[in-house]
């Protein structure tokens, strides 16, 4: 017999965001994964409180480029986008989240056609 909780959880549609955190001054951008996670959660919490904050997870962070992949429920997609867009200051330093891509699957984030440098070459 199938577990009802597992079935319910697996039917929740996810939404993935690829975002970049940019600071006004280039020297301010050196933050680690823990602080990036905190900043994302703070952005959501500022606008939607602790319940909204619980709907967001940072699943990957690249400190070299200050880019991350964030996952949320499809039903919270608009709220997360709003919270990231409206966030503008961390630790008294002006900053902005740039939402680079939104997708319903992780594989689509990996195959962003806008980042291809030119036509693909065939090995034939």
PDB file of N, CA and C in Angstrom:
ATOM      1  N   UNK A   1       0.840  -1.181   0.000  1.00  0.00           N
ATOM      2  CA  UNK A   1       0.000   0.000   0.000  1.00  0.00           C
ATOM      3  C   UNK A   1       0.882   1.241   0.000  1.00  0.00           C
ATOM      4  N   UNK A   2       0.488   2.230  -0.756  1.00  0.00           N
ATOM      5  CA  UNK A   2       1.266   3.449  -0.910  1.00  0.00           C
ATOM      6  C   UNK A   2       1.071   4.383   0.274  1.00  0.00           C
ATOM      7  N   UNK A   3       2.138   5.037   0.697  1.00  0.00           N
ATOM      8  CA  UNK A   3       2.077   6.004   1.786  1.00  0.00           C
ATOM      9  C   UNK A   3       1.398   7.279   1.287  1.00  0.00           C
ATOM     10  N   UNK A   4       0.338   7.708   1.953  1.00  0.00           N
ATOM     11  CA  UNK A   4      -0.425   8.882   1.520  1.00  0.00           C
ATOM     12  C   UNK A   4       0.409  10.151   1.591  1.00  0.00           C
ATOM     13  N   UNK A   5       1.274  10.292   2.589  1.00  0.00           N
ATOM     14  CA  UNK A   5       2.106  11.491   2.705  1.00  0.00           C
ATOM     15  C   UNK A   5       3.091  11.601   1.553  1.00  0.00           C
ATOM     16  N   UNK A   6       3.682  10.499   1.159  1.00  0.00           N
ATOM     17  CA  UNK A   6       4.631  10.518   0.057  1.00  0.00           C
ATOM     18  C   UNK A   6       3.931  10.902  -1.240  1.00  0.00           C
ATOM     19  N   UNK A   7       2.765  10.376  -1.468  1.00  0.00           N
ATOM     20  CA  UNK A   7       2.008  10.702  -2.668  1.00  0.00           C
ATOM     21  C   UNK A   7       1.640  12.177  -2.687  1.00  0.00           C
ATOM     22  N   UNK A   8       1.222  12.701  -1.566  1.00  0.00           N
ATOM     23  CA  UNK A   8       0.840  14.107  -1.488  1.00  0.00           C
ATOM     24  C   UNK A   8       2.047  15.000  -1.744  1.00  0.00           C
ATOM     25  N   UNK A   9       3.187  14.668  -1.143  1.00  0.00           N
ATOM     26  CA  UNK A   9       4.387  15.487  -1.296  1.00  0.00           C
ATOM     27  C   UNK A   9       4.881  15.473  -2.739  1.00  0.00           C
ATOM     28  N   UNK A  10       4.868  14.317  -3.364  1.00  0.00           N
ATOM     29  CA  UNK A  10       5.394  14.214  -4.717  1.00  0.00           C
ATOM     30  C   UNK A  10       4.509  14.928  -5.733  1.00  0.00           C
ATOM     31  N   UNK A  11       3.265  15.215  -5.395  1.00  0.00           N
ATOM     32  CA  UNK A  11       2.381  15.902  -6.328  1.00  0.00           C
ATOM     33  C   UNK A  11       2.540  17.420  -6.268  1.00  0.00           C
ATOM     34  N   UNK A  12       3.316  17.931  -5.329  1.00  0.00           N
ATOM     35  CA  UNK A  12       3.550  19.369  -5.230  1.00  0.00           C
ATOM     36  C   UNK A  12       4.520  19.782  -6.322  1.00  0.00           C
ATOM     37  N   UNK A  13       4.113  20.718  -7.141  1.00  0.00           N
ATOM     38  CA  UNK A  13       4.969  21.179  -8.231  1.00  0.00           C
ATOM     39  C   UNK A  13       5.992  22.168  -7.685  1.00  0.00           C
ATOM     40  N   UNK A  14       7.219  22.000  -8.121  1.00  0.00           N
ATOM     41  CA  UNK A  14       8.322  22.859  -7.693  1.00  0.00           C
ATOM     42  C   UNK A  14       8.651  23.881  -8.772  1.00  0.00           C
ATOM     43  N   UNK A  15       9.275  24.950  -8.346  1.00  0.00           N
ATOM     44  CA  UNK A  15       9.720  25.988  -9.246  1.00  0.00           C
ATOM     45  C   UNK A  15      11.147  26.358  -8.851  1.00  0.00           C
ATOM     46  N   UNK A  16      12.036  26.445  -9.835  1.00  0.00           N
ATOM     47  CA  UNK A  16      13.448  26.702  -9.584  1.00  0.00           C
ATOM     48  C   UNK A  16      13.839  28.068 -10.134  1.00  0.00           C
ATOM     49  N   UNK A  17      14.562  28.812  -9.327  1.00  0.00           N
ATOM     50  CA  UNK A  17      15.043  30.132  -9.711  1.00  0.00           C
ATOM     51  C   UNK A  17      16.565  30.095  -9.789  1.00  0.00           C
ATOM     52  N   UNK A  18      17.136  30.672 -10.821  1.00  0.00           N
ATOM     53  CA  UNK A  18      18.573  30.905 -10.864  1.00  0.00           C
ATOM     54  C   UNK A  18      18.745  32.398 -10.664  1.00  0.00           C
ATOM     55  N   UNK A  19      19.397  32.771  -9.568  1.00  0.00           N
ATOM     56  CA  UNK A  19      19.516  34.181  -9.200  1.00  0.00           C
ATOM     57  C   UNK A  19      20.971  34.566  -8.964  1.00  0.00           C
ATOM     58  N   UNK A  20      21.213  35.853  -9.055  1.00  0.00           N
ATOM     59  CA  UNK A  20      22.534  36.414  -8.796  1.00  0.00           C
ATOM     60  C   UNK A  20      22.344  37.562  -7.817  1.00  0.00           C
ATOM     61  N   UNK A  21      23.226  37.659  -6.844  1.00  0.00           N
ATOM     62  CA  UNK A  21      23.200  38.772  -5.889  1.00  0.00           C
ATOM     63  C   UNK A  21      24.297  39.738  -6.277  1.00  0.00           C
ATOM     64  N   UNK A  22      23.904  40.964  -6.613  1.00  0.00           N
ATOM     65  CA  UNK A  22      24.859  41.991  -7.024  1.00  0.00           C
ATOM     66  C   UNK A  22      24.881  43.110  -6.003  1.00  0.00           C
ATOM     67  N   UNK A  23      26.081  43.557  -5.668  1.00  0.00           N
ATOM     68  CA  UNK A  23      26.263  44.664  -4.744  1.00  0.00           C
ATOM     69  C   UNK A  23      26.655  45.916  -5.512  1.00  0.00           C
ATOM     70  N   UNK A  24      26.310  47.082  -4.944  1.00  0.00           N
ATOM     71  CA  UNK A  24      26.624  48.351  -5.582  1.00  0.00           C
ATOM     72  C   UNK A  24      28.138  48.508  -5.737  1.00  0.00           C
ATOM     73  N   UNK A  25      28.891  48.138  -4.723  1.00  0.00           N
ATOM     74  CA  UNK A  25      30.345  48.207  -4.761  1.00  0.00           C
ATOM     75  C   UNK A  25      30.881  46.790  -4.910  1.00  0.00           C
ATOM     76  N   UNK A  26      31.737  46.594  -5.873  1.00  0.00           N
ATOM     77  CA  UNK A  26      32.224  45.251  -6.206  1.00  0.00           C
ATOM     78  C   UNK A  26      32.888  44.561  -5.017  1.00  0.00           C
ATOM     79  N   UNK A  27      33.600  45.285  -4.174  1.00  0.00           N
ATOM     80  CA  UNK A  27      34.292  44.682  -3.034  1.00  0.00           C
ATOM     81  C   UNK A  27      33.365  44.129  -1.963  1.00  0.00           C
ATOM     82  N   UNK A  28      32.080  44.449  -2.023  1.00  0.00           N
ATOM     83  CA  UNK A  28      31.120  44.009  -1.000  1.00  0.00           C
ATOM     84  C   UNK A  28      30.557  42.615  -1.269  1.00  0.00           C
ATOM     85  N   UNK A  29      30.851  42.002  -2.409  1.00  0.00           N
ATOM     86  CA  UNK A  29      30.141  40.796  -2.816  1.00  0.00           C
ATOM     87  C   UNK A  29      30.649  39.500  -2.205  1.00  0.00           C
ATOM     88  N   UNK A  30      31.667  39.528  -1.401  1.00  0.00           N
ATOM     89  CA  UNK A  30      32.279  38.307  -0.882  1.00  0.00           C
ATOM     90  C   UNK A  30      31.490  37.755   0.309  1.00  0.00           C
ATOM     91  N   UNK A  31      30.439  36.970   0.008  1.00  0.00           N
ATOM     92  CA  UNK A  31      29.687  36.317   1.076  1.00  0.00           C
ATOM     93  C   UNK A  31      29.659  34.818   0.807  1.00  0.00           C
ATOM     94  N   UNK A  32      29.633  34.047   1.863  1.00  0.00           N
ATOM     95  CA  UNK A  32      29.631  32.596   1.736  1.00  0.00           C
ATOM     96  C   UNK A  32      28.234  32.034   1.605  1.00  0.00           C
ATOM     97  N   UNK A  33      28.137  30.710   1.501  1.00  0.00           N
ATOM     98  CA  UNK A  33      26.834  30.064   1.312  1.00  0.00           C
ATOM     99  C   UNK A  33      25.874  30.276   2.479  1.00  0.00           C
ATOM    100  N   UNK A  34      26.401  30.307   3.687  1.00  0.00           N
ATOM    101  CA  UNK A  34      25.526  30.500   4.852  1.00  0.00           C
ATOM    102  C   UNK A  34      24.907  31.886   4.844  1.00  0.00           C
ATOM    103  N   UNK A  35      25.731  32.890   4.537  1.00  0.00           N
ATOM    104  CA  UNK A  35      25.216  34.261   4.506  1.00  0.00           C
ATOM    105  C   UNK A  35      24.281  34.470   3.322  1.00  0.00           C
ATOM    106  N   UNK A  36      24.578  33.852   2.177  1.00  0.00           N
ATOM    107  CA  UNK A  36      23.690  33.968   1.024  1.00  0.00           C
ATOM    108  C   UNK A  36      22.324  33.386   1.363  1.00  0.00           C
ATOM    109  N   UNK A  37      22.325  32.221   1.976  1.00  0.00           N
ATOM    110  CA  UNK A  37      21.082  31.584   2.407  1.00  0.00           C
ATOM    111  C   UNK A  37      20.315  32.504   3.356  1.00  0.00           C
ATOM    112  N   UNK A  38      21.026  33.120   4.278  1.00  0.00           N
ATOM    113  CA  UNK A  38      20.400  34.044   5.228  1.00  0.00           C
ATOM    114  C   UNK A  38      19.778  35.232   4.492  1.00  0.00           C
ATOM    115  N   UNK A  39      20.494  35.792   3.523  1.00  0.00           N
ATOM    116  CA  UNK A  39      20.001  36.960   2.786  1.00  0.00           C
ATOM    117  C   UNK A  39      18.729  36.606   2.007  1.00  0.00           C
ATOM    118  N   UNK A  40      18.717  35.446   1.364  1.00  0.00           N
ATOM    119  CA  UNK A  40      17.513  35.011   0.630  1.00  0.00           C
ATOM    120  C   UNK A  40      16.337  34.877   1.589  1.00  0.00           C
ATOM    121  N   UNK A  41      16.552  34.198   2.703  1.00  0.00           N
ATOM    122  CA  UNK A  41      15.472  34.012   3.673  1.00  0.00           C
ATOM    123  C   UNK A  41      15.038  35.344   4.287  1.00  0.00           C
ATOM    124  N   UNK A  42      15.974  36.248   4.483  1.00  0.00           N
ATOM    125  CA  UNK A  42      15.637  37.564   5.028  1.00  0.00           C
ATOM    126  C   UNK A  42      14.775  38.346   4.041  1.00  0.00           C
ATOM    127  N   UNK A  43      15.093  38.256   2.754  1.00  0.00           N
ATOM    128  CA  UNK A  43      14.299  38.946   1.731  1.00  0.00           C
ATOM    129  C   UNK A  43      12.852  38.466   1.750  1.00  0.00           C
ATOM    130  N   UNK A  44      12.673  37.151   1.853  1.00  0.00           N
ATOM    131  CA  UNK A  44      11.321  36.585   1.871  1.00  0.00           C
ATOM    132  C   UNK A  44      10.623  36.915   3.183  1.00  0.00           C
ATOM    133  N   UNK A  45      11.345  36.799   4.282  1.00  0.00           N
ATOM    134  CA  UNK A  45      10.758  37.058   5.598  1.00  0.00           C
ATOM    135  C   UNK A  45      10.318  38.519   5.731  1.00  0.00           C
ATOM    136  N   UNK A  46      11.088  39.450   5.170  1.00  0.00           N
ATOM    137  CA  UNK A  46      10.733  40.873   5.235  1.00  0.00           C
ATOM    138  C   UNK A  46       9.387  41.149   4.595  1.00  0.00           C
ATOM    139  N   UNK A  47       9.064  40.413   3.551  1.00  0.00           N
ATOM    140  CA  UNK A  47       7.829  40.673   2.816  1.00  0.00           C
ATOM    141  C   UNK A  47       6.679  39.760   3.213  1.00  0.00           C
ATOM    142  N   UNK A  48       6.982  38.493   3.540  1.00  0.00           N
ATOM    143  CA  UNK A  48       5.928  37.513   3.772  1.00  0.00           C
ATOM    144  C   UNK A  48       5.985  36.812   5.120  1.00  0.00           C
ATOM    145  N   UNK A  49       6.899  37.203   5.995  1.00  0.00           N
ATOM    146  CA  UNK A  49       6.958  36.630   7.331  1.00  0.00           C
ATOM    147  C   UNK A  49       7.579  35.250   7.364  1.00  0.00           C
ATOM    148  N   UNK A  50       7.507  34.633   8.522  1.00  0.00           N
ATOM    149  CA  UNK A  50       8.160  33.340   8.740  1.00  0.00           C
ATOM    150  C   UNK A  50       7.512  32.210   7.948  1.00  0.00           C
ATOM    151  N   UNK A  51       6.226  32.299   7.706  1.00  0.00           N
ATOM    152  CA  UNK A  51       5.565  31.248   6.919  1.00  0.00           C
ATOM    153  C   UNK A  51       6.082  31.279   5.483  1.00  0.00           C
ATOM    154  N   UNK A  52       6.213  32.454   4.913  1.00  0.00           N
ATOM    155  CA  UNK A  52       6.772  32.567   3.570  1.00  0.00           C
ATOM    156  C   UNK A  52       8.210  32.102   3.513  1.00  0.00           C
ATOM    157  N   UNK A  53       8.962  32.420   4.553  1.00  0.00           N
ATOM    158  CA  UNK A  53      10.368  32.032   4.626  1.00  0.00           C
ATOM    159  C   UNK A  53      10.529  30.513   4.582  1.00  0.00           C
ATOM    160  N   UNK A  54       9.577  29.797   5.138  1.00  0.00           N
ATOM    161  CA  UNK A  54       9.667  28.338   5.183  1.00  0.00           C
ATOM    162  C   UNK A  54       9.406  27.689   3.820  1.00  0.00           C
ATOM    163  N   UNK A  55       8.967  28.452   2.840  1.00  0.00           N
ATOM    164  CA  UNK A  55       8.661  27.913   1.513  1.00  0.00           C
ATOM    165  C   UNK A  55       9.844  27.972   0.550  1.00  0.00           C
ATOM    166  N   UNK A  56      11.019  28.394   1.031  1.00  0.00           N
ATOM    167  CA  UNK A  56      12.157  28.649   0.150  1.00  0.00           C
ATOM    168  C   UNK A  56      13.384  27.881   0.629  1.00  0.00           C
ATOM    169  N   UNK A  57      14.116  27.280  -0.326  1.00  0.00           N
ATOM    170  CA  UNK A  57      15.388  26.612  -0.022  1.00  0.00           C
ATOM    171  C   UNK A  57      16.419  26.972  -1.070  1.00  0.00           C
ATOM    172  N   UNK A  58      17.626  27.277  -0.622  1.00  0.00           N
ATOM    173  CA  UNK A  58      18.757  27.461  -1.536  1.00  0.00           C
ATOM    174  C   UNK A  58      19.390  26.091  -1.695  1.00  0.00           C
ATOM    175  N   UNK A  59      19.379  25.554  -2.912  1.00  0.00           N
ATOM    176  CA  UNK A  59      19.894  24.197  -3.098  1.00  0.00           C
ATOM    177  C   UNK A  59      21.315  24.173  -3.643  1.00  0.00           C
ATOM    178  N   UNK A  60      21.767  25.285  -4.226  1.00  0.00           N
ATOM    179  CA  UNK A  60      23.148  25.360  -4.696  1.00  0.00           C
ATOM    180  C   UNK A  60      23.578  26.815  -4.726  1.00  0.00           C
ATOM    181  N   UNK A  61      24.825  27.067  -4.327  1.00  0.00           N
ATOM    182  CA  UNK A  61      25.359  28.422  -4.328  1.00  0.00           C
ATOM    183  C   UNK A  61      26.776  28.412  -4.877  1.00  0.00           C
ATOM    184  N   UNK A  62      27.069  29.326  -5.779  1.00  0.00           N
ATOM    185  CA  UNK A  62      28.407  29.486  -6.338  1.00  0.00           C
ATOM    186  C   UNK A  62      28.969  30.822  -5.850  1.00  0.00           C
ATOM    187  N   UNK A  63      29.882  30.790  -4.861  1.00  0.00           N
ATOM    188  CA  UNK A  63      30.392  32.041  -4.291  1.00  0.00           C
ATOM    189  C   UNK A  63      31.242  32.854  -5.264  1.00  0.00           C
ATOM    190  N   UNK A  64      31.817  32.232  -6.262  1.00  0.00           N
ATOM    191  CA  UNK A  64      32.648  32.947  -7.224  1.00  0.00           C
ATOM    192  C   UNK A  64      31.826  33.958  -8.022  1.00  0.00           C
ATOM    193  N   UNK A  65      30.609  33.560  -8.391  1.00  0.00           N
ATOM    194  CA  UNK A  65      29.738  34.427  -9.186  1.00  0.00           C
ATOM    195  C   UNK A  65      28.558  34.985  -8.390  1.00  0.00           C
ATOM    196  N   UNK A  66      28.454  34.628  -7.118  1.00  0.00           N
ATOM    197  CA  UNK A  66      27.309  35.012  -6.268  1.00  0.00           C
ATOM    198  C   UNK A  66      25.989  34.598  -6.902  1.00  0.00           C
ATOM    199  N   UNK A  67      25.965  33.409  -7.480  1.00  0.00           N
ATOM    200  CA  UNK A  67      24.765  32.867  -8.103  1.00  0.00           C
ATOM    201  C   UNK A  67      24.271  31.666  -7.315  1.00  0.00           C
ATOM    202  N   UNK A  68      22.966  31.457  -7.373  1.00  0.00           N
ATOM    203  CA  UNK A  68      22.382  30.330  -6.648  1.00  0.00           C
ATOM    204  C   UNK A  68      21.178  29.790  -7.383  1.00  0.00           C
ATOM    205  N   UNK A  69      20.830  28.577  -7.013  1.00  0.00           N
ATOM    206  CA  UNK A  69      19.579  27.974  -7.457  1.00  0.00           C
ATOM    207  C   UNK A  69      18.703  27.852  -6.214  1.00  0.00           C
ATOM    208  N   UNK A  70      17.510  28.393  -6.321  1.00  0.00           N
ATOM    209  CA  UNK A  70      16.552  28.417  -5.219  1.00  0.00           C
ATOM    210  C   UNK A  70      15.321  27.637  -5.655  1.00  0.00           C
ATOM    211  N   UNK A  71      14.778  26.859  -4.755  1.00  0.00           N
ATOM    212  CA  UNK A  71      13.576  26.091  -5.068  1.00  0.00           C
ATOM    213  C   UNK A  71      12.437  26.532  -4.143  1.00  0.00           C
ATOM    214  N   UNK A  72      11.242  26.537  -4.702  1.00  0.00           N
ATOM    215  CA  UNK A  72      10.036  26.849  -3.940  1.00  0.00           C
ATOM    216  C   UNK A  72       8.874  26.084  -4.569  1.00  0.00           C
ATOM    217  N   UNK A  73       7.726  26.164  -3.952  1.00  0.00           N
ATOM    218  CA  UNK A  73       6.512  25.583  -4.528  1.00  0.00           C
ATOM    219  C   UNK A  73       6.028  26.477  -5.664  1.00  0.00           C
ATOM    220  N   UNK A  74       5.437  25.887  -6.671  1.00  0.00           N
ATOM    221  CA  UNK A  74       4.905  26.655  -7.793  1.00  0.00           C
ATOM    222  C   UNK A  74       3.922  27.725  -7.310  1.00  0.00           C
ATOM    223  N   UNK A  75       3.160  27.416  -6.274  1.00  0.00           N
ATOM    224  CA  UNK A  75       2.174  28.380  -5.762  1.00  0.00           C
ATOM    225  C   UNK A  75       2.821  29.586  -5.082  1.00  0.00           C
ATOM    226  N   UNK A  76       4.108  29.496  -4.730  1.00  0.00           N
ATOM    227  CA  UNK A  76       4.814  30.600  -4.068  1.00  0.00           C
ATOM    228  C   UNK A  76       5.742  31.328  -5.041  1.00  0.00           C
ATOM    229  N   UNK A  77       5.679  30.965  -6.298  1.00  0.00           N
ATOM    230  CA  UNK A  77       6.581  31.526  -7.313  1.00  0.00           C
ATOM    231  C   UNK A  77       6.523  33.057  -7.379  1.00  0.00           C
ATOM    232  N   UNK A  78       5.357  33.608  -7.471  1.00  0.00           N
ATOM    233  CA  UNK A  78       5.199  35.060  -7.570  1.00  0.00           C
ATOM    234  C   UNK A  78       5.680  35.786  -6.331  1.00  0.00           C
ATOM    235  N   UNK A  79       5.402  35.211  -5.179  1.00  0.00           N
ATOM    236  CA  UNK A  79       5.831  35.834  -3.932  1.00  0.00           C
ATOM    237  C   UNK A  79       7.352  35.847  -3.812  1.00  0.00           C
ATOM    238  N   UNK A  80       8.000  34.732  -4.175  1.00  0.00           N
ATOM    239  CA  UNK A  80       9.456  34.684  -4.112  1.00  0.00           C
ATOM    240  C   UNK A  80      10.057  35.694  -5.079  1.00  0.00           C
ATOM    241  N   UNK A  81       9.523  35.751  -6.284  1.00  0.00           N
ATOM    242  CA  UNK A  81      10.015  36.704  -7.272  1.00  0.00           C
ATOM    243  C   UNK A  81       9.885  38.135  -6.745  1.00  0.00           C
ATOM    244  N   UNK A  82       8.754  38.452  -6.144  1.00  0.00           N
ATOM    245  CA  UNK A  82       8.537  39.783  -5.575  1.00  0.00           C
ATOM    246  C   UNK A  82       9.519  40.083  -4.455  1.00  0.00           C
ATOM    247  N   UNK A  83       9.702  39.147  -3.553  1.00  0.00           N
ATOM    248  CA  UNK A  83      10.597  39.355  -2.416  1.00  0.00           C
ATOM    249  C   UNK A  83      12.032  39.591  -2.876  1.00  0.00           C
ATOM    250  N   UNK A  84      12.482  38.817  -3.840  1.00  0.00           N
ATOM    251  CA  UNK A  84      13.843  38.991  -4.345  1.00  0.00           C
ATOM    252  C   UNK A  84      14.005  40.312  -5.081  1.00  0.00           C
ATOM    253  N   UNK A  85      13.009  40.683  -5.862  1.00  0.00           N
ATOM    254  CA  UNK A  85      13.066  41.920  -6.635  1.00  0.00           C
ATOM    255  C   UNK A  85      13.055  43.159  -5.735  1.00  0.00           C
ATOM    256  N   UNK A  86      12.286  43.117  -4.667  1.00  0.00           N
ATOM    257  CA  UNK A  86      12.159  44.288  -3.794  1.00  0.00           C
ATOM    258  C   UNK A  86      13.275  44.419  -2.761  1.00  0.00           C
ATOM    259  N   UNK A  87      14.048  43.364  -2.557  1.00  0.00           N
ATOM    260  CA  UNK A  87      15.135  43.415  -1.580  1.00  0.00           C
ATOM    261  C   UNK A  87      16.239  44.332  -2.106  1.00  0.00           C
ATOM    262  N   UNK A  88      16.765  45.215  -1.247  1.00  0.00           N
ATOM    263  CA  UNK A  88      17.743  46.174  -1.748  1.00  0.00           C
ATOM    264  C   UNK A  88      18.895  46.511  -0.836  1.00  0.00           C
ATOM    265  N   UNK A  89      18.946  45.927   0.369  1.00  0.00           N
ATOM    266  CA  UNK A  89      20.015  46.298   1.283  1.00  0.00           C
ATOM    267  C   UNK A  89      20.333  45.133   2.210  1.00  0.00           C
ATOM    268  N   UNK A  90      21.619  44.814   2.298  1.00  0.00           N
ATOM    269  CA  UNK A  90      22.086  43.790   3.226  1.00  0.00           C
ATOM    270  C   UNK A  90      23.283  44.352   3.980  1.00  0.00           C
ATOM    271  N   UNK A  91      23.220  44.324   5.299  1.00  0.00           N
ATOM    272  CA  UNK A  91      24.319  44.781   6.150  1.00  0.00           C
ATOM    273  C   UNK A  91      24.719  46.216   5.788  1.00  0.00           C
ATOM    274  N   UNK A  92      23.723  47.060   5.573  1.00  0.00           N
ATOM    275  CA  UNK A  92      23.891  48.466   5.200  1.00  0.00           C
ATOM    276  C   UNK A  92      24.647  48.654   3.883  1.00  0.00           C
ATOM    277  N   UNK A  93      24.583  47.673   3.012  1.00  0.00           N
ATOM    278  CA  UNK A  93      25.207  47.750   1.687  1.00  0.00           C
ATOM    279  C   UNK A  93      24.121  47.533   0.645  1.00  0.00           C
ATOM    280  N   UNK A  94      24.049  48.456  -0.308  1.00  0.00           N
ATOM    281  CA  UNK A  94      23.025  48.345  -1.356  1.00  0.00           C
ATOM    282  C   UNK A  94      23.322  47.150  -2.248  1.00  0.00           C
ATOM    283  N   UNK A  95      22.280  46.376  -2.515  1.00  0.00           N
ATOM    284  CA  UNK A  95      22.430  45.182  -3.344  1.00  0.00           C
ATOM    285  C   UNK A  95      21.116  44.897  -4.052  1.00  0.00           C
ATOM    286  N   UNK A  96      21.167  43.956  -4.972  1.00  0.00           N
ATOM    287  CA  UNK A  96      19.957  43.573  -5.702  1.00  0.00           C
ATOM    288  C   UNK A  96      20.086  42.129  -6.161  1.00  0.00           C
ATOM    289  N   UNK A  97      18.987  41.417  -6.069  1.00  0.00           N
ATOM    290  CA  UNK A  97      18.915  40.084  -6.650  1.00  0.00           C
ATOM    291  C   UNK A  97      18.512  40.239  -8.108  1.00  0.00           C
ATOM    292  N   UNK A  98      19.209  39.552  -8.983  1.00  0.00           N
ATOM    293  CA  UNK A  98      18.841  39.499 -10.397  1.00  0.00           C
ATOM    294  C   UNK A  98      18.300  38.100 -10.657  1.00  0.00           C
ATOM    295  N   UNK A  99      17.028  38.024 -10.994  1.00  0.00           N
ATOM    296  CA  UNK A  99      16.433  36.732 -11.332  1.00  0.00           C
ATOM    297  C   UNK A  99      16.793  36.464 -12.785  1.00  0.00           C
ATOM    298  N   UNK A 100      17.670  35.501 -12.985  1.00  0.00           N
ATOM    299  CA  UNK A 100      18.201  35.226 -14.316  1.00  0.00           C
ATOM    300  C   UNK A 100      17.352  34.223 -15.080  1.00  0.00           C
ATOM    301  N   UNK A 101      16.735  33.301 -14.346  1.00  0.00           N
ATOM    302  CA  UNK A 101      15.950  32.266 -15.013  1.00  0.00           C
ATOM    303  C   UNK A 101      14.996  31.635 -14.006  1.00  0.00           C
ATOM    304  N   UNK A 102      13.822  31.272 -14.471  1.00  0.00           N
ATOM    305  CA  UNK A 102      12.838  30.549 -13.676  1.00  0.00           C
ATOM    306  C   UNK A 102      12.390  29.351 -14.496  1.00  0.00           C
ATOM    307  N   UNK A 103      12.313  28.196 -13.840  1.00  0.00           N
ATOM    308  CA  UNK A 103      11.939  26.986 -14.566  1.00  0.00           C
ATOM    309  C   UNK A 103      11.210  26.015 -13.654  1.00  0.00           C
ATOM    310  N   UNK A 104      10.448  25.125 -14.268  1.00  0.00           N
ATOM    311  CA  UNK A 104       9.758  24.092 -13.501  1.00  0.00           C
ATOM    312  C   UNK A 104      10.618  22.846 -13.332  1.00  0.00           C
ATOM    313  N   UNK A 105      11.815  22.830 -13.942  1.00  0.00           N
ATOM    314  CA  UNK A 105      12.703  21.682 -13.767  1.00  0.00           C
ATOM    315  C   UNK A 105      14.160  22.140 -13.743  1.00  0.00           C
ATOM    316  N   UNK A 106      14.978  21.392 -13.036  1.00  0.00           N
ATOM    317  CA  UNK A 106      16.394  21.719 -12.939  1.00  0.00           C
ATOM    318  C   UNK A 106      17.110  21.571 -14.271  1.00  0.00           C
ATOM    319  N   UNK A 107      16.710  20.628 -15.071  1.00  0.00           N
ATOM    320  CA  UNK A 107      17.384  20.401 -16.351  1.00  0.00           C
ATOM    321  C   UNK A 107      17.254  21.611 -17.263  1.00  0.00           C
ATOM    322  N   UNK A 108      16.142  22.312 -17.181  1.00  0.00           N
ATOM    323  CA  UNK A 108      15.965  23.506 -18.003  1.00  0.00           C
ATOM    324  C   UNK A 108      16.904  24.634 -17.577  1.00  0.00           C
ATOM    325  N   UNK A 109      17.266  24.677 -16.298  1.00  0.00           N
ATOM    326  CA  UNK A 109      18.219  25.694 -15.851  1.00  0.00           C
ATOM    327  C   UNK A 109      19.597  25.421 -16.446  1.00  0.00           C
ATOM    328  N   UNK A 110      19.925  24.167 -16.633  1.00  0.00           N
ATOM    329  CA  UNK A 110      21.236  23.799 -17.169  1.00  0.00           C
ATOM    330  C   UNK A 110      21.327  24.060 -18.665  1.00  0.00           C
ATOM    331  N   UNK A 111      20.210  24.131 -19.338  1.00  0.00           N
ATOM    332  CA  UNK A 111      20.219  24.301 -20.792  1.00  0.00           C
ATOM    333  C   UNK A 111      19.649  25.657 -21.194  1.00  0.00           C
ATOM    334  N   UNK A 112      20.248  26.708 -20.683  1.00  0.00           N
ATOM    335  CA  UNK A 112      19.815  28.069 -20.984  1.00  0.00           C
ATOM    336  C   UNK A 112      20.371  28.485 -22.342  1.00  0.00           C
ATOM    337  N   UNK A 113      19.522  28.592 -23.351  1.00  0.00           N
ATOM    338  CA  UNK A 113      19.964  28.912 -24.706  1.00  0.00           C
ATOM    339  C   UNK A 113      20.489  30.337 -24.821  1.00  0.00           C
ATOM    340  N   UNK A 114      20.152  31.211 -23.899  1.00  0.00           N
ATOM    341  CA  UNK A 114      20.625  32.591 -23.963  1.00  0.00           C
ATOM    342  C   UNK A 114      22.105  32.709 -23.628  1.00  0.00           C
ATOM    343  N   UNK A 115      22.692  31.679 -23.042  1.00  0.00           N
ATOM    344  CA  UNK A 115      24.101  31.736 -22.676  1.00  0.00           C
ATOM    345  C   UNK A 115      25.005  31.077 -23.710  1.00  0.00           C
ATOM    346  N   UNK A 116      24.450  30.516 -24.759  1.00  0.00           N
ATOM    347  CA  UNK A 116      25.277  29.912 -25.797  1.00  0.00           C
ATOM    348  C   UNK A 116      26.003  31.011 -26.553  1.00  0.00           C
ATOM    349  N   UNK A 117      27.281  30.826 -26.812  1.00  0.00           N
ATOM    350  CA  UNK A 117      28.088  31.870 -27.427  1.00  0.00           C
ATOM    351  C   UNK A 117      27.922  31.933 -28.948  1.00  0.00           C
ATOM    352  N   UNK A 118      27.451  30.900 -29.556  1.00  0.00           N
ATOM    353  CA  UNK A 118      27.286  30.909 -30.989  1.00  0.00           C
ATOM    354  C   UNK A 118      26.592  29.643 -31.428  1.00  0.00           C
ATOM    355  N   UNK A 119      26.506  29.424 -32.737  1.00  0.00           N
ATOM    356  CA  UNK A 119      25.844  28.208 -33.206  1.00  0.00           C
ATOM    357  C   UNK A 119      26.631  26.983 -32.802  1.00  0.00           C
ATOM    358  N   UNK A 120      25.919  25.931 -32.451  1.00  0.00           N
ATOM    359  CA  UNK A 120      26.563  24.697 -32.044  1.00  0.00           C
ATOM    360  C   UNK A 120      27.196  24.033 -33.263  1.00  0.00           C
ATOM    361  N   UNK A 121      28.393  23.511 -33.080  1.00  0.00           N
ATOM    362  CA  UNK A 121      29.123  22.871 -34.179  1.00  0.00           C
ATOM    363  C   UNK A 121      28.911  21.368 -34.136  1.00  0.00           C
ATOM    364  N   UNK A 122      28.762  20.792 -35.265  1.00  0.00           N
ATOM    365  CA  UNK A 122      28.592  19.349 -35.375  1.00  0.00           C
ATOM    366  C   UNK A 122      29.955  18.683 -35.514  1.00  0.00           C
ATOM    367  N   UNK A 123      30.103  17.516 -34.941  1.00  0.00           N
ATOM    368  CA  UNK A 123      31.337  16.752 -35.043  1.00  0.00           C
ATOM    369  C   UNK A 123      31.321  15.826 -36.246  1.00  0.00           C
ATOM    370  N   UNK A 124      30.318  15.917 -37.081  1.00  0.00           N
ATOM    371  CA  UNK A 124      30.185  15.020 -38.226  1.00  0.00           C
ATOM    372  C   UNK A 124      31.028  15.506 -39.377  1.00  0.00           C
TER     373      UNK A 124
END
